[in-house]
Amino acid sequence: PEGAELPIVEVRRGAFGVHGTGDTSG
């Protein structure tokens, strides 16, 4: 609908959104 805001449930970092460890995907 016009003016609707899309609810953000996560900000994904890296290829898989891994948290707490290094990113192994490049």
mmCIF file of all heavy atoms, coordinates in Angstrom:
data_MODEL
# 
_entry.id   MODEL 
# 
loop_
_atom_site.group_PDB 
_atom_site.id 
_atom_site.type_symbol 
_atom_site.label_atom_id 
_atom_site.label_alt_id 
_atom_site.label_comp_id 
_atom_site.label_asym_id 
_atom_site.label_entity_id 
_atom_site.label_seq_id 
_atom_site.pdbx_PDB_ins_code 
_atom_site.Cartn_x 
_atom_site.Cartn_y 
_atom_site.Cartn_z 
_atom_site.occupancy 
_atom_site.B_iso_or_equiv 
_atom_site.pdbx_formal_charge 
_atom_site.auth_seq_id 
_atom_site.auth_comp_id 
_atom_site.auth_asym_id 
_atom_site.auth_atom_id 
_atom_site.pdbx_PDB_model_num 
ATOM 1   N N   . PRO A 1 1  ? 0.831  -1.208  0.000  1.00 0.00 ? 1  PRO A N   1 
ATOM 2   C CA  . PRO A 1 1  ? 0.000  0.000   0.000  1.00 0.00 ? 1  PRO A CA  1 
ATOM 3   C C   . PRO A 1 1  ? 0.862  1.254   0.000  1.00 0.00 ? 1  PRO A C   1 
ATOM 4   O O   . PRO A 1 1  ? 1.950  1.276   0.576  1.00 0.00 ? 1  PRO A O   1 
ATOM 5   C CB  . PRO A 1 1  ? -0.800 -0.130  1.310  1.00 0.00 ? 1  PRO A CB  1 
ATOM 6   C CG  . PRO A 1 1  ? -0.735 -1.582  1.662  1.00 0.00 ? 1  PRO A CG  1 
ATOM 7   C CD  . PRO A 1 1  ? 0.574  -2.073  1.150  1.00 0.00 ? 1  PRO A CD  1 
ATOM 8   N N   . GLU A 1 2  ? 0.393  2.305   -0.633 1.00 0.00 ? 2  GLU A N   1 
ATOM 9   C CA  . GLU A 1 2  ? 1.148  3.554   -0.715 1.00 0.00 ? 2  GLU A CA  1 
ATOM 10  C C   . GLU A 1 2  ? 1.409  4.101   0.683  1.00 0.00 ? 2  GLU A C   1 
ATOM 11  O O   . GLU A 1 2  ? 0.511  4.199   1.519  1.00 0.00 ? 2  GLU A O   1 
ATOM 12  C CB  . GLU A 1 2  ? 0.364  4.579   -1.543 1.00 0.00 ? 2  GLU A CB  1 
ATOM 13  C CG  . GLU A 1 2  ? 1.120  5.866   -1.784 1.00 0.00 ? 2  GLU A CG  1 
ATOM 14  C CD  . GLU A 1 2  ? 0.344  6.815   -2.672 1.00 0.00 ? 2  GLU A CD  1 
ATOM 15  O OE1 . GLU A 1 2  ? -0.724 6.396   -3.184 1.00 0.00 ? 2  GLU A OE1 1 
ATOM 16  O OE2 . GLU A 1 2  ? 0.802  7.960   -2.838 1.00 0.00 ? 2  GLU A OE2 1 
ATOM 17  N N   . GLY A 1 3  ? 2.649  4.446   0.956  1.00 0.00 ? 3  GLY A N   1 
ATOM 18  C CA  . GLY A 1 3  ? 3.031  4.997   2.248  1.00 0.00 ? 3  GLY A CA  1 
ATOM 19  C C   . GLY A 1 3  ? 3.330  3.964   3.316  1.00 0.00 ? 3  GLY A C   1 
ATOM 20  O O   . GLY A 1 3  ? 3.706  4.323   4.425  1.00 0.00 ? 3  GLY A O   1 
ATOM 21  N N   . ALA A 1 4  ? 3.166  2.688   3.005  1.00 0.00 ? 4  ALA A N   1 
ATOM 22  C CA  . ALA A 1 4  ? 3.412  1.647   4.012  1.00 0.00 ? 4  ALA A CA  1 
ATOM 23  C C   . ALA A 1 4  ? 4.904  1.501   4.274  1.00 0.00 ? 4  ALA A C   1 
ATOM 24  O O   . ALA A 1 4  ? 5.724  1.628   3.363  1.00 0.00 ? 4  ALA A O   1 
ATOM 25  C CB  . ALA A 1 4  ? 2.833  0.312   3.548  1.00 0.00 ? 4  ALA A CB  1 
ATOM 26  N N   . GLU A 1 5  ? 5.263  1.246   5.524  1.00 0.00 ? 5  GLU A N   1 
ATOM 27  C CA  . GLU A 1 5  ? 6.648  1.013   5.893  1.00 0.00 ? 5  GLU A CA  1 
ATOM 28  C C   . GLU A 1 5  ? 6.899  -0.488  5.983  1.00 0.00 ? 5  GLU A C   1 
ATOM 29  O O   . GLU A 1 5  ? 6.105  -1.220  6.576  1.00 0.00 ? 5  GLU A O   1 
ATOM 30  C CB  . GLU A 1 5  ? 6.964  1.677   7.239  1.00 0.00 ? 5  GLU A CB  1 
ATOM 31  C CG  . GLU A 1 5  ? 6.890  3.202   7.203  1.00 0.00 ? 5  GLU A CG  1 
ATOM 32  C CD  . GLU A 1 5  ? 7.327  3.823   8.508  1.00 0.00 ? 5  GLU A CD  1 
ATOM 33  O OE1 . GLU A 1 5  ? 7.726  3.052   9.423  1.00 0.00 ? 5  GLU A OE1 1 
ATOM 34  O OE2 . GLU A 1 5  ? 7.261  5.059   8.627  1.00 0.00 ? 5  GLU A OE2 1 
ATOM 35  N N   . LEU A 1 6  ? 8.004  -0.912  5.399  1.00 0.00 ? 6  LEU A N   1 
ATOM 36  C CA  . LEU A 1 6  ? 8.349  -2.329  5.443  1.00 0.00 ? 6  LEU A CA  1 
ATOM 37  C C   . LEU A 1 6  ? 9.051  -2.621  6.764  1.00 0.00 ? 6  LEU A C   1 
ATOM 38  O O   . LEU A 1 6  ? 10.067 -1.998  7.092  1.00 0.00 ? 6  LEU A O   1 
ATOM 39  C CB  . LEU A 1 6  ? 9.263  -2.692  4.269  1.00 0.00 ? 6  LEU A CB  1 
ATOM 40  C CG  . LEU A 1 6  ? 8.648  -2.537  2.880  1.00 0.00 ? 6  LEU A CG  1 
ATOM 41  C CD1 . LEU A 1 6  ? 9.689  -2.831  1.812  1.00 0.00 ? 6  LEU A CD1 1 
ATOM 42  C CD2 . LEU A 1 6  ? 7.458  -3.457  2.713  1.00 0.00 ? 6  LEU A CD2 1 
ATOM 43  N N   . PRO A 1 7  ? 8.534  -3.561  7.553  1.00 0.00 ? 7  PRO A N   1 
ATOM 44  C CA  . PRO A 1 7  ? 9.146  -3.868  8.851  1.00 0.00 ? 7  PRO A CA  1 
ATOM 45  C C   . PRO A 1 7  ? 10.464 -4.614  8.671  1.00 0.00 ? 7  PRO A C   1 
ATOM 46  O O   . PRO A 1 7  ? 10.521 -5.661  8.036  1.00 0.00 ? 7  PRO A O   1 
ATOM 47  C CB  . PRO A 1 7  ? 8.098  -4.748  9.553  1.00 0.00 ? 7  PRO A CB  1 
ATOM 48  C CG  . PRO A 1 7  ? 7.307  -5.346  8.427  1.00 0.00 ? 7  PRO A CG  1 
ATOM 49  C CD  . PRO A 1 7  ? 7.319  -4.351  7.316  1.00 0.00 ? 7  PRO A CD  1 
ATOM 50  N N   . ILE A 1 8  ? 11.550 -4.050  9.217  1.00 0.00 ? 8  ILE A N   1 
ATOM 51  C CA  . ILE A 1 8  ? 12.868 -4.683  9.148  1.00 0.00 ? 8  ILE A CA  1 
ATOM 52  C C   . ILE A 1 8  ? 13.018 -5.609  10.346 1.00 0.00 ? 8  ILE A C   1 
ATOM 53  O O   . ILE A 1 8  ? 12.892 -5.187  11.497 1.00 0.00 ? 8  ILE A O   1 
ATOM 54  C CB  . ILE A 1 8  ? 13.984 -3.629  9.146  1.00 0.00 ? 8  ILE A CB  1 
ATOM 55  C CG1 . ILE A 1 8  ? 13.855 -2.732  7.912  1.00 0.00 ? 8  ILE A CG1 1 
ATOM 56  C CG2 . ILE A 1 8  ? 15.355 -4.287  9.182  1.00 0.00 ? 8  ILE A CG2 1 
ATOM 57  C CD1 . ILE A 1 8  ? 14.853 -1.591  7.871  1.00 0.00 ? 8  ILE A CD1 1 
ATOM 58  N N   . VAL A 1 9  ? 13.248 -6.895  10.097 1.00 0.00 ? 9  VAL A N   1 
ATOM 59  C CA  . VAL A 1 9  ? 13.387 -7.862  11.188 1.00 0.00 ? 9  VAL A CA  1 
ATOM 60  C C   . VAL A 1 9  ? 14.837 -8.257  11.428 1.00 0.00 ? 9  VAL A C   1 
ATOM 61  O O   . VAL A 1 9  ? 15.149 -8.875  12.436 1.00 0.00 ? 9  VAL A O   1 
ATOM 62  C CB  . VAL A 1 9  ? 12.547 -9.136  10.920 1.00 0.00 ? 9  VAL A CB  1 
ATOM 63  C CG1 . VAL A 1 9  ? 11.072 -8.810  10.918 1.00 0.00 ? 9  VAL A CG1 1 
ATOM 64  C CG2 . VAL A 1 9  ? 12.946 -9.792  9.606  1.00 0.00 ? 9  VAL A CG2 1 
ATOM 65  N N   . GLU A 1 10 ? 15.713 -7.882  10.495 1.00 0.00 ? 10 GLU A N   1 
ATOM 66  C CA  . GLU A 1 10 ? 17.119 -8.227  10.675 1.00 0.00 ? 10 GLU A CA  1 
ATOM 67  C C   . GLU A 1 10 ? 17.944 -7.418  9.683  1.00 0.00 ? 10 GLU A C   1 
ATOM 68  O O   . GLU A 1 10 ? 17.485 -7.100  8.580  1.00 0.00 ? 10 GLU A O   1 
ATOM 69  C CB  . GLU A 1 10 ? 17.340 -9.728  10.425 1.00 0.00 ? 10 GLU A CB  1 
ATOM 70  C CG  . GLU A 1 10 ? 18.780 -10.190 10.595 1.00 0.00 ? 10 GLU A CG  1 
ATOM 71  C CD  . GLU A 1 10 ? 18.953 -11.667 10.281 1.00 0.00 ? 10 GLU A CD  1 
ATOM 72  O OE1 . GLU A 1 10 ? 17.940 -12.396 10.246 1.00 0.00 ? 10 GLU A OE1 1 
ATOM 73  O OE2 . GLU A 1 10 ? 20.103 -12.093 10.055 1.00 0.00 ? 10 GLU A OE2 1 
ATOM 74  N N   . VAL A 1 11 ? 19.167 -7.064  10.078 1.00 0.00 ? 11 VAL A N   1 
ATOM 75  C CA  . VAL A 1 11 ? 20.147 -6.525  9.152  1.00 0.00 ? 11 VAL A CA  1 
ATOM 76  C C   . VAL A 1 11 ? 21.213 -7.594  8.986  1.00 0.00 ? 11 VAL A C   1 
ATOM 77  O O   . VAL A 1 11 ? 21.932 -7.911  9.931  1.00 0.00 ? 11 VAL A O   1 
ATOM 78  C CB  . VAL A 1 11 ? 20.756 -5.204  9.658  1.00 0.00 ? 11 VAL A CB  1 
ATOM 79  C CG1 . VAL A 1 11 ? 21.842 -4.725  8.696  1.00 0.00 ? 11 VAL A CG1 1 
ATOM 80  C CG2 . VAL A 1 11 ? 19.678 -4.138  9.806  1.00 0.00 ? 11 VAL A CG2 1 
ATOM 81  N N   . ARG A 1 12 ? 21.267 -8.169  7.812  1.00 0.00 ? 12 ARG A N   1 
ATOM 82  C CA  . ARG A 1 12 ? 22.131 -9.325  7.573  1.00 0.00 ? 12 ARG A CA  1 
ATOM 83  C C   . ARG A 1 12 ? 23.485 -8.857  7.046  1.00 0.00 ? 12 ARG A C   1 
ATOM 84  O O   . ARG A 1 12 ? 23.574 -8.093  6.088  1.00 0.00 ? 12 ARG A O   1 
ATOM 85  C CB  . ARG A 1 12 ? 21.483 -10.277 6.574  1.00 0.00 ? 12 ARG A CB  1 
ATOM 86  C CG  . ARG A 1 12 ? 22.283 -11.533 6.297  1.00 0.00 ? 12 ARG A CG  1 
ATOM 87  C CD  . ARG A 1 12 ? 21.440 -12.536 5.538  1.00 0.00 ? 12 ARG A CD  1 
ATOM 88  N NE  . ARG A 1 12 ? 20.358 -13.040 6.365  1.00 0.00 ? 12 ARG A NE  1 
ATOM 89  C CZ  . ARG A 1 12 ? 19.359 -13.796 5.905  1.00 0.00 ? 12 ARG A CZ  1 
ATOM 90  N NH1 . ARG A 1 12 ? 19.306 -14.106 4.625  1.00 0.00 ? 12 ARG A NH1 1 
ATOM 91  N NH2 . ARG A 1 12 ? 18.416 -14.233 6.713  1.00 0.00 ? 12 ARG A NH2 1 
ATOM 92  N N   . ARG A 1 13 ? 24.543 -9.324  7.689  1.00 0.00 ? 13 ARG A N   1 
ATOM 93  C CA  . ARG A 1 13 ? 25.906 -9.008  7.287  1.00 0.00 ? 13 ARG A CA  1 
ATOM 94  C C   . ARG A 1 13 ? 26.597 -10.272 6.805  1.00 0.00 ? 13 ARG A C   1 
ATOM 95  O O   . ARG A 1 13 ? 26.505 -11.311 7.448  1.00 0.00 ? 13 ARG A O   1 
ATOM 96  C CB  . ARG A 1 13 ? 26.676 -8.378  8.442  1.00 0.00 ? 13 ARG A CB  1 
ATOM 97  C CG  . ARG A 1 13 ? 26.170 -6.977  8.788  1.00 0.00 ? 13 ARG A CG  1 
ATOM 98  C CD  . ARG A 1 13 ? 26.819 -6.401  10.031 1.00 0.00 ? 13 ARG A CD  1 
ATOM 99  N NE  . ARG A 1 13 ? 26.516 -4.985  10.171 1.00 0.00 ? 13 ARG A NE  1 
ATOM 100 C CZ  . ARG A 1 13 ? 25.382 -4.510  10.662 1.00 0.00 ? 13 ARG A CZ  1 
ATOM 101 N NH1 . ARG A 1 13 ? 24.436 -5.348  11.060 1.00 0.00 ? 13 ARG A NH1 1 
ATOM 102 N NH2 . ARG A 1 13 ? 25.174 -3.213  10.729 1.00 0.00 ? 13 ARG A NH2 1 
ATOM 103 N N   . GLY A 1 14 ? 27.298 -10.151 5.683  1.00 0.00 ? 14 GLY A N   1 
ATOM 104 C CA  . GLY A 1 14 ? 27.927 -11.322 5.090  1.00 0.00 ? 14 GLY A CA  1 
ATOM 105 C C   . GLY A 1 14 ? 26.924 -12.124 4.290  1.00 0.00 ? 14 GLY A C   1 
ATOM 106 O O   . GLY A 1 14 ? 25.746 -11.759 4.161  1.00 0.00 ? 14 GLY A O   1 
ATOM 107 N N   . ALA A 1 15 ? 27.363 -13.237 3.742  1.00 0.00 ? 15 ALA A N   1 
ATOM 108 C CA  . ALA A 1 15 ? 26.494 -14.045 2.888  1.00 0.00 ? 15 ALA A CA  1 
ATOM 109 C C   . ALA A 1 15 ? 25.408 -14.755 3.667  1.00 0.00 ? 15 ALA A C   1 
ATOM 110 O O   . ALA A 1 15 ? 24.326 -15.005 3.147  1.00 0.00 ? 15 ALA A O   1 
ATOM 111 C CB  . ALA A 1 15 ? 27.338 -15.063 2.118  1.00 0.00 ? 15 ALA A CB  1 
ATOM 112 N N   . PHE A 1 16 ? 25.673 -15.066 4.952  1.00 0.00 ? 16 PHE A N   1 
ATOM 113 C CA  . PHE A 1 16 ? 24.730 -15.906 5.699  1.00 0.00 ? 16 PHE A CA  1 
ATOM 114 C C   . PHE A 1 16 ? 24.237 -15.269 6.985  1.00 0.00 ? 16 PHE A C   1 
ATOM 115 O O   . PHE A 1 16 ? 23.483 -15.882 7.718  1.00 0.00 ? 16 PHE A O   1 
ATOM 116 C CB  . PHE A 1 16 ? 25.391 -17.257 6.025  1.00 0.00 ? 16 PHE A CB  1 
ATOM 117 C CG  . PHE A 1 16 ? 25.980 -17.943 4.825  1.00 0.00 ? 16 PHE A CG  1 
ATOM 118 C CD1 . PHE A 1 16 ? 27.347 -18.069 4.681  1.00 0.00 ? 16 PHE A CD1 1 
ATOM 119 C CD2 . PHE A 1 16 ? 25.155 -18.437 3.824  1.00 0.00 ? 16 PHE A CD2 1 
ATOM 120 C CE1 . PHE A 1 16 ? 27.887 -18.686 3.556  1.00 0.00 ? 16 PHE A CE1 1 
ATOM 121 C CE2 . PHE A 1 16 ? 25.692 -19.053 2.703  1.00 0.00 ? 16 PHE A CE2 1 
ATOM 122 C CZ  . PHE A 1 16 ? 27.060 -19.174 2.564  1.00 0.00 ? 16 PHE A CZ  1 
ATOM 123 N N   . GLY A 1 17 ? 24.671 -14.061 7.284  1.00 0.00 ? 17 GLY A N   1 
ATOM 124 C CA  . GLY A 1 17 ? 24.200 -13.393 8.491  1.00 0.00 ? 17 GLY A CA  1 
ATOM 125 C C   . GLY A 1 17 ? 24.723 -14.003 9.770  1.00 0.00 ? 17 GLY A C   1 
ATOM 126 O O   . GLY A 1 17 ? 24.053 -13.985 10.796 1.00 0.00 ? 17 GLY A O   1 
ATOM 127 N N   . VAL A 1 18 ? 25.940 -14.544 9.735  1.00 0.00 ? 18 VAL A N   1 
ATOM 128 C CA  . VAL A 1 18 ? 26.521 -15.186 10.914 1.00 0.00 ? 18 VAL A CA  1 
ATOM 129 C C   . VAL A 1 18 ? 26.905 -14.135 11.940 1.00 0.00 ? 18 VAL A C   1 
ATOM 130 O O   . VAL A 1 18 ? 27.435 -13.077 11.601 1.00 0.00 ? 18 VAL A O   1 
ATOM 131 C CB  . VAL A 1 18 ? 27.760 -16.023 10.508 1.00 0.00 ? 18 VAL A CB  1 
ATOM 132 C CG1 . VAL A 1 18 ? 28.451 -16.592 11.730 1.00 0.00 ? 18 VAL A CG1 1 
ATOM 133 C CG2 . VAL A 1 18 ? 27.343 -17.125 9.557  1.00 0.00 ? 18 VAL A CG2 1 
ATOM 134 N N   . HIS A 1 19 ? 26.625 -14.410 13.206 1.00 0.00 ? 19 HIS A N   1 
ATOM 135 C CA  . HIS A 1 19 ? 26.958 -13.503 14.298 1.00 0.00 ? 19 HIS A CA  1 
ATOM 136 C C   . HIS A 1 19 ? 27.943 -14.166 15.244 1.00 0.00 ? 19 HIS A C   1 
ATOM 137 O O   . HIS A 1 19 ? 27.878 -15.369 15.489 1.00 0.00 ? 19 HIS A O   1 
ATOM 138 C CB  . HIS A 1 19 ? 25.696 -13.115 15.087 1.00 0.00 ? 19 HIS A CB  1 
ATOM 139 C CG  . HIS A 1 19 ? 24.636 -12.460 14.253 1.00 0.00 ? 19 HIS A CG  1 
ATOM 140 N ND1 . HIS A 1 19 ? 24.684 -11.144 13.876 1.00 0.00 ? 19 HIS A ND1 1 
ATOM 141 C CD2 . HIS A 1 19 ? 23.500 -12.965 13.705 1.00 0.00 ? 19 HIS A CD2 1 
ATOM 142 C CE1 . HIS A 1 19 ? 23.619 -10.857 13.148 1.00 0.00 ? 19 HIS A CE1 1 
ATOM 143 N NE2 . HIS A 1 19 ? 22.886 -11.947 13.025 1.00 0.00 ? 19 HIS A NE2 1 
ATOM 144 N N   . GLY A 1 20 ? 28.870 -13.381 15.778 1.00 0.00 ? 20 GLY A N   1 
ATOM 145 C CA  . GLY A 1 20 ? 29.735 -13.871 16.847 1.00 0.00 ? 20 GLY A CA  1 
ATOM 146 C C   . GLY A 1 20 ? 30.993 -14.583 16.387 1.00 0.00 ? 20 GLY A C   1 
ATOM 147 O O   . GLY A 1 20 ? 31.831 -14.929 17.209 1.00 0.00 ? 20 GLY A O   1 
ATOM 148 N N   . THR A 1 21 ? 31.143 -14.824 15.101 1.00 0.00 ? 21 THR A N   1 
ATOM 149 C CA  . THR A 1 21 ? 32.352 -15.461 14.591 1.00 0.00 ? 21 THR A CA  1 
ATOM 150 C C   . THR A 1 21 ? 32.771 -14.750 13.313 1.00 0.00 ? 21 THR A C   1 
ATOM 151 O O   . THR A 1 21 ? 32.044 -13.921 12.766 1.00 0.00 ? 21 THR A O   1 
ATOM 152 C CB  . THR A 1 21 ? 32.119 -16.954 14.267 1.00 0.00 ? 21 THR A CB  1 
ATOM 153 O OG1 . THR A 1 21 ? 31.173 -17.053 13.194 1.00 0.00 ? 21 THR A OG1 1 
ATOM 154 C CG2 . THR A 1 21 ? 31.591 -17.715 15.464 1.00 0.00 ? 21 THR A CG2 1 
ATOM 155 N N   . GLY A 1 22 ? 33.945 -15.083 12.811 1.00 0.00 ? 22 GLY A N   1 
ATOM 156 C CA  . GLY A 1 22 ? 34.400 -14.501 11.571 1.00 0.00 ? 22 GLY A CA  1 
ATOM 157 C C   . GLY A 1 22 ? 33.577 -14.971 10.390 1.00 0.00 ? 22 GLY A C   1 
ATOM 158 O O   . GLY A 1 22 ? 33.005 -16.062 10.410 1.00 0.00 ? 22 GLY A O   1 
ATOM 159 N N   . ASP A 1 23 ? 33.525 -14.141 9.362  1.00 0.00 ? 23 ASP A N   1 
ATOM 160 C CA  . ASP A 1 23 ? 32.792 -14.504 8.159  1.00 0.00 ? 23 ASP A CA  1 
ATOM 161 C C   . ASP A 1 23 ? 33.706 -15.311 7.240  1.00 0.00 ? 23 ASP A C   1 
ATOM 162 O O   . ASP A 1 23 ? 34.758 -14.832 6.825  1.00 0.00 ? 23 ASP A O   1 
ATOM 163 C CB  . ASP A 1 23 ? 32.298 -13.246 7.445  1.00 0.00 ? 23 ASP A CB  1 
ATOM 164 C CG  . ASP A 1 23 ? 31.451 -13.583 6.221  1.00 0.00 ? 23 ASP A CG  1 
ATOM 165 O OD1 . ASP A 1 23 ? 32.030 -13.713 5.135  1.00 0.00 ? 23 ASP A OD1 1 
ATOM 166 O OD2 . ASP A 1 23 ? 30.234 -13.746 6.374  1.00 0.00 ? 23 ASP A OD2 1 
ATOM 167 N N   . THR A 1 24 ? 33.305 -16.535 6.924  1.00 0.00 ? 24 THR A N   1 
ATOM 168 C CA  . THR A 1 24 ? 34.140 -17.421 6.110  1.00 0.00 ? 24 THR A CA  1 
ATOM 169 C C   . THR A 1 24 ? 33.714 -17.442 4.650  1.00 0.00 ? 24 THR A C   1 
ATOM 170 O O   . THR A 1 24 ? 34.247 -18.210 3.865  1.00 0.00 ? 24 THR A O   1 
ATOM 171 C CB  . THR A 1 24 ? 34.092 -18.861 6.657  1.00 0.00 ? 24 THR A CB  1 
ATOM 172 O OG1 . THR A 1 24 ? 32.754 -19.343 6.600  1.00 0.00 ? 24 THR A OG1 1 
ATOM 173 C CG2 . THR A 1 24 ? 34.590 -18.920 8.084  1.00 0.00 ? 24 THR A CG2 1 
ATOM 174 N N   . SER A 1 25 ? 32.747 -16.604 4.285  1.00 0.00 ? 25 SER A N   1 
ATOM 175 C CA  . SER A 1 25 ? 32.207 -16.656 2.931  1.00 0.00 ? 25 SER A CA  1 
ATOM 176 C C   . SER A 1 25 ? 32.949 -15.757 1.953  1.00 0.00 ? 25 SER A C   1 
ATOM 177 O O   . SER A 1 25 ? 32.823 -15.910 0.740  1.00 0.00 ? 25 SER A O   1 
ATOM 178 C CB  . SER A 1 25 ? 30.725 -16.254 2.946  1.00 0.00 ? 25 SER A CB  1 
ATOM 179 O OG  . SER A 1 25 ? 30.599 -14.871 3.259  1.00 0.00 ? 25 SER A OG  1 
ATOM 180 N N   . GLY A 1 26 ? 33.705 -14.788 2.473  1.00 0.00 ? 26 GLY A N   1 
ATOM 181 C CA  . GLY A 1 26 ? 34.349 -13.815 1.608  1.00 0.00 ? 26 GLY A CA  1 
ATOM 182 C C   . GLY A 1 26 ? 33.472 -12.622 1.289  1.00 0.00 ? 26 GLY A C   1 
ATOM 183 O O   . GLY A 1 26 ? 33.861 -11.746 0.525  1.00 0.00 ? 26 GLY A O   1 
# 
